[in-house]
Protein backbone atom coordinates (compact mmCIF):
# COMPACT_ATOMS: atom_id res chain seq x y z
CA UNK A 1 -29.25 -3.59 2.09
CA UNK A 2 -32.72 -2.47 1.07
CA UNK A 3 -31.96 1.08 0.12
CA UNK A 4 -29.35 -0.33 -2.74
CA UNK A 5 -32.41 -2.25 -4.20
CA UNK A 6 -34.29 1.04 -4.64
CA UNK A 7 -31.40 2.68 -6.55
CA UNK A 8 -31.88 2.58 -10.40
CA UNK A 9 -29.15 1.59 -12.77
CA UNK A 10 -28.54 5.23 -13.86
CA UNK A 11 -28.15 6.42 -10.17
CA UNK A 12 -25.68 3.56 -9.41
CA UNK A 13 -23.78 4.62 -12.61
CA UNK A 14 -23.62 8.34 -11.54
CA UNK A 15 -22.18 7.29 -8.23
CA UNK A 16 -19.65 5.16 -9.75
CA UNK A 17 -18.67 7.90 -12.31
CA UNK A 18 -18.34 10.29 -9.44
CA UNK A 19 -15.73 8.14 -7.50
CA UNK A 20 -17.99 6.03 -5.46
CA UNK A 21 -16.89 2.66 -7.34
CA UNK A 22 -17.92 0.59 -4.41
CA UNK A 23 -20.32 0.79 -1.49
CA UNK A 24 -17.13 0.96 0.79
CA UNK A 25 -16.55 4.28 -0.79
CA UNK A 26 -19.70 5.67 0.37
CA UNK A 27 -18.59 5.24 4.19
CA UNK A 28 -17.96 9.14 4.41
CA UNK A 29 -20.57 10.39 2.24
CA UNK A 30 -23.45 12.56 3.34
CA UNK A 31 -26.98 12.24 2.36
CA UNK A 32 -27.09 15.70 0.63
CA UNK A 33 -23.97 14.48 -1.56
CA UNK A 34 -25.64 11.18 -2.31
CA UNK A 35 -28.86 13.00 -3.35
CA UNK A 36 -27.08 15.40 -5.43
CA UNK A 37 -24.94 13.20 -7.25
CA UNK A 38 -27.35 10.15 -7.76
CA UNK A 39 -30.37 12.41 -8.30
CA UNK A 40 -32.32 10.40 -5.78
CA UNK A 41 -34.78 11.42 -3.20
CA UNK A 42 -33.53 12.89 0.02
CA UNK A 43 -35.27 10.14 2.20
CA UNK A 44 -33.64 7.56 0.16
CA UNK A 45 -30.27 9.11 0.55
CA UNK A 46 -30.65 9.34 4.32
CA UNK A 47 -31.78 5.72 4.59
CA UNK A 48 -28.98 4.67 2.56
CA UNK A 49 -26.39 6.49 4.78
CA UNK A 50 -28.11 5.02 7.90
CA UNK A 51 -27.83 1.60 6.68
CA UNK A 52 -24.28 1.92 5.71
CA UNK A 53 -23.31 2.70 9.19
CA UNK A 54 -24.69 -0.80 10.14
CA UNK A 55 -23.49 -2.57 7.17
CA UNK A 56 -20.49 -5.21 7.46
CA UNK A 57 -19.39 -7.34 4.74
CA UNK A 58 -17.95 -9.98 7.02
CA UNK A 59 -17.09 -10.48 10.81
CA UNK A 60 -13.74 -11.93 11.29
CA UNK A 61 -13.19 -14.35 14.34
CA UNK A 62 -10.36 -13.21 16.67
CA UNK A 63 -8.34 -16.19 15.65
CA UNK A 64 -8.61 -15.08 12.03
CA UNK A 65 -7.60 -11.59 12.76
CA UNK A 66 -4.56 -13.01 14.79
CA UNK A 67 -3.37 -15.33 11.94
CA UNK A 68 -3.65 -12.47 9.50
CA UNK A 69 -1.43 -10.34 11.38
CA UNK A 70 0.89 -13.33 11.75
CA UNK A 71 1.04 -13.80 8.10
CA UNK A 72 1.69 -10.04 7.50
CA UNK A 73 4.71 -10.30 9.66
CA UNK A 74 5.82 -13.57 8.19
CA UNK A 75 8.80 -12.70 5.74
CA UNK A 76 8.37 -15.17 3.01
CA UNK A 77 11.35 -15.29 0.60
CA UNK A 78 11.10 -14.96 -3.03
CA UNK A 79 11.49 -18.33 -4.60
CA UNK A 80 13.48 -18.02 -7.99
CA UNK A 81 14.18 -20.59 -10.63
CA UNK A 82 17.44 -22.09 -10.30
CA UNK A 83 19.98 -20.44 -12.78
CA UNK A 84 17.43 -18.31 -14.28
CA UNK A 85 19.99 -15.53 -14.53
CA UNK A 86 22.40 -17.41 -16.82
CA UNK A 87 19.87 -17.58 -19.60
CA UNK A 88 17.79 -14.71 -21.07
CA UNK A 89 14.96 -17.02 -22.26
CA UNK A 90 14.42 -18.35 -18.60
CA UNK A 91 12.23 -16.40 -16.30
CA UNK A 92 12.56 -16.10 -12.60
CA UNK A 93 9.23 -17.68 -11.97
CA UNK A 94 9.65 -20.86 -9.65
CA UNK A 95 10.14 -24.27 -11.11
CA UNK A 96 11.04 -27.39 -8.94
CA UNK A 97 14.75 -28.19 -9.19
CA UNK A 98 15.43 -31.50 -10.88
CA UNK A 99 18.58 -33.32 -11.55
CA UNK A 100 20.98 -35.70 -9.54
CA UNK A 101 23.55 -32.95 -8.89
CA UNK A 102 21.44 -29.96 -8.68
CA UNK A 103 22.74 -27.90 -5.83
CA UNK A 104 19.50 -26.10 -5.11
CA UNK A 105 17.55 -29.55 -4.81
CA UNK A 106 20.37 -30.86 -2.56
CA UNK A 107 19.81 -27.91 -0.17
CA UNK A 108 23.09 -25.78 -0.57
CA UNK A 109 22.25 -22.38 1.13
CA UNK A 110 23.73 -19.95 -1.49
CA UNK A 111 21.38 -21.27 -4.10
CA UNK A 112 18.52 -19.68 -2.62
CA UNK A 113 15.34 -21.29 -0.72
CA UNK A 114 13.15 -24.13 -2.08
CA UNK A 115 9.41 -24.30 -1.74
CA UNK A 116 8.42 -26.64 1.08
CA UNK A 117 6.07 -26.99 4.01
CA UNK A 118 6.37 -24.49 6.68
CA UNK A 119 6.39 -21.51 4.09
CA UNK A 120 2.54 -21.70 3.44
CA UNK A 121 0.23 -19.54 5.30
CA UNK A 122 -2.33 -21.35 7.84
CA UNK A 123 -4.90 -23.41 6.51
CA UNK A 124 -7.74 -21.40 7.96
CA UNK A 125 -6.74 -18.14 5.96
CA UNK A 126 -4.90 -19.74 3.03
CA UNK A 127 -5.72 -17.93 -0.17
CA UNK A 128 -7.33 -14.97 1.76
CA UNK A 129 -6.89 -11.32 0.88
CA UNK A 130 -4.99 -9.18 3.47
CA UNK A 131 -8.56 -7.65 4.08
CA UNK A 132 -9.64 -11.14 5.40
CA UNK A 133 -11.74 -11.92 2.42
CA UNK A 134 -11.51 -14.94 0.02
CA UNK A 135 -10.59 -13.82 -3.52
CA UNK A 136 -12.85 -14.72 -6.52
CA UNK A 137 -11.57 -13.76 -9.97
CA UNK A 138 -14.40 -12.49 -11.93
CA UNK A 139 -14.18 -12.44 -15.82
CA UNK A 140 -17.78 -12.10 -16.82
CA UNK A 141 -21.32 -10.98 -15.28
CA UNK A 142 -22.17 -14.66 -14.57
CA UNK A 143 -19.63 -15.20 -12.34
CA UNK A 144 -21.12 -12.77 -9.78
CA UNK A 145 -23.86 -15.29 -9.27
CA UNK A 146 -21.57 -17.77 -7.64
CA UNK A 147 -19.91 -15.24 -5.13
CA UNK A 148 -21.34 -15.22 -1.64
CA UNK A 149 -21.04 -12.78 1.32
CA UNK A 150 -17.83 -14.21 2.63
CA UNK A 151 -16.07 -13.56 -0.62
CA UNK A 152 -14.73 -10.41 -2.44
CA UNK A 153 -14.38 -10.13 -6.12
CA UNK A 154 -11.45 -9.19 -8.25
CA UNK A 155 -12.19 -8.18 -11.91
CA UNK A 156 -9.77 -9.88 -14.31
CA UNK A 157 -7.36 -7.53 -16.09
CA UNK A 158 -8.48 -9.02 -19.47
CA UNK A 159 -12.05 -7.57 -18.97
CA UNK A 160 -12.77 -4.47 -21.22
CA UNK A 161 -14.01 -1.09 -20.02
CA UNK A 162 -17.58 -1.50 -21.01
CA UNK A 163 -17.96 -4.93 -19.44
CA UNK A 164 -16.01 -3.79 -16.26
CA UNK A 165 -18.48 -0.98 -15.93
CA UNK A 166 -21.39 -3.36 -16.04
CA UNK A 167 -19.78 -5.75 -13.53
CA UNK A 168 -19.09 -2.79 -10.98
CA UNK A 169 -22.78 -1.61 -11.34
CA UNK A 170 -24.00 -5.23 -10.45
CA UNK A 171 -21.58 -5.67 -7.63
CA UNK A 172 -22.51 -2.15 -6.29
CA UNK A 173 -26.15 -2.99 -6.44
CA UNK A 174 -25.56 -6.31 -4.54
CA UNK A 175 -23.26 -4.85 -2.00
CA UNK A 176 -20.22 -6.95 -2.89
CA UNK A 177 -16.67 -6.04 -1.92
CA UNK A 178 -14.38 -5.28 -5.03
CA UNK A 179 -10.80 -5.47 -4.50
CA UNK A 180 -9.70 -3.67 -7.68
CA UNK A 181 -12.64 -1.18 -8.63
CA UNK A 182 -10.33 1.42 -10.21
CA UNK A 183 -9.98 1.63 -13.98
CA UNK A 184 -6.68 1.19 -15.26
CA UNK A 185 -5.14 3.32 -17.98
CA UNK A 186 -5.59 0.62 -20.60
CA UNK A 187 -9.22 0.33 -19.77
CA UNK A 188 -9.67 4.19 -19.60
CA UNK A 189 -8.32 4.57 -23.22
CA UNK A 190 -10.64 1.73 -24.45
CA UNK A 191 -13.52 3.51 -22.74
CA UNK A 192 -12.61 6.72 -24.27
CA UNK A 193 -12.20 5.33 -27.75
CA UNK A 194 -15.75 3.54 -27.32
CA UNK A 195 -17.41 6.85 -26.24
CA UNK A 196 -15.58 8.60 -29.41
CA UNK A 197 -17.09 6.05 -31.70
CA UNK A 198 -20.61 6.22 -30.30
CA UNK A 199 -20.35 10.09 -30.83
CA UNK A 200 -19.32 9.68 -34.37
CA UNK A 201 -22.13 7.30 -34.91
CA UNK A 202 -24.60 9.75 -33.59
CA UNK A 203 -23.24 12.46 -35.72
């Protein structure tokens, strides 16, 4: 989008702070709202709104849409570790059953389902988000350079509030789809702490 290239970093930051974390959030915004919030020219805001109406992240084929709908209806069971409830130190996360006399390995129905072929998603949409995008985990700003238009980014939970803000700004400027643009409570507290420290330094 050419209009995005004309927005400055401060204008993008103002839009994100106002609740427009991604360009998808700008869908219902008017030119006057964008001009007021971002502090940009009215002509630029109008061009941005006009280009947003024509903008598409990705066009899914009819077959991909059908497979995504089938996967959504498919009731995949929760694969649990064998006998995890008998010991507190064991988690429920899946582990392949072993042992000559293990009942889960031998297929006893009351022991629960076993991971095997047939439960997986179709190969054409395997690993895709329900929106139809392939997920890419982003932990630093350099990871954005490897993302193409067919993919959507998910910011890692270990990323702090300051770095997350920078990643959101760059993704916004490039028109990327962000699956988790909202700031968590932990990151919000980090951001507030950082802001408090900067105020103390200025004083």
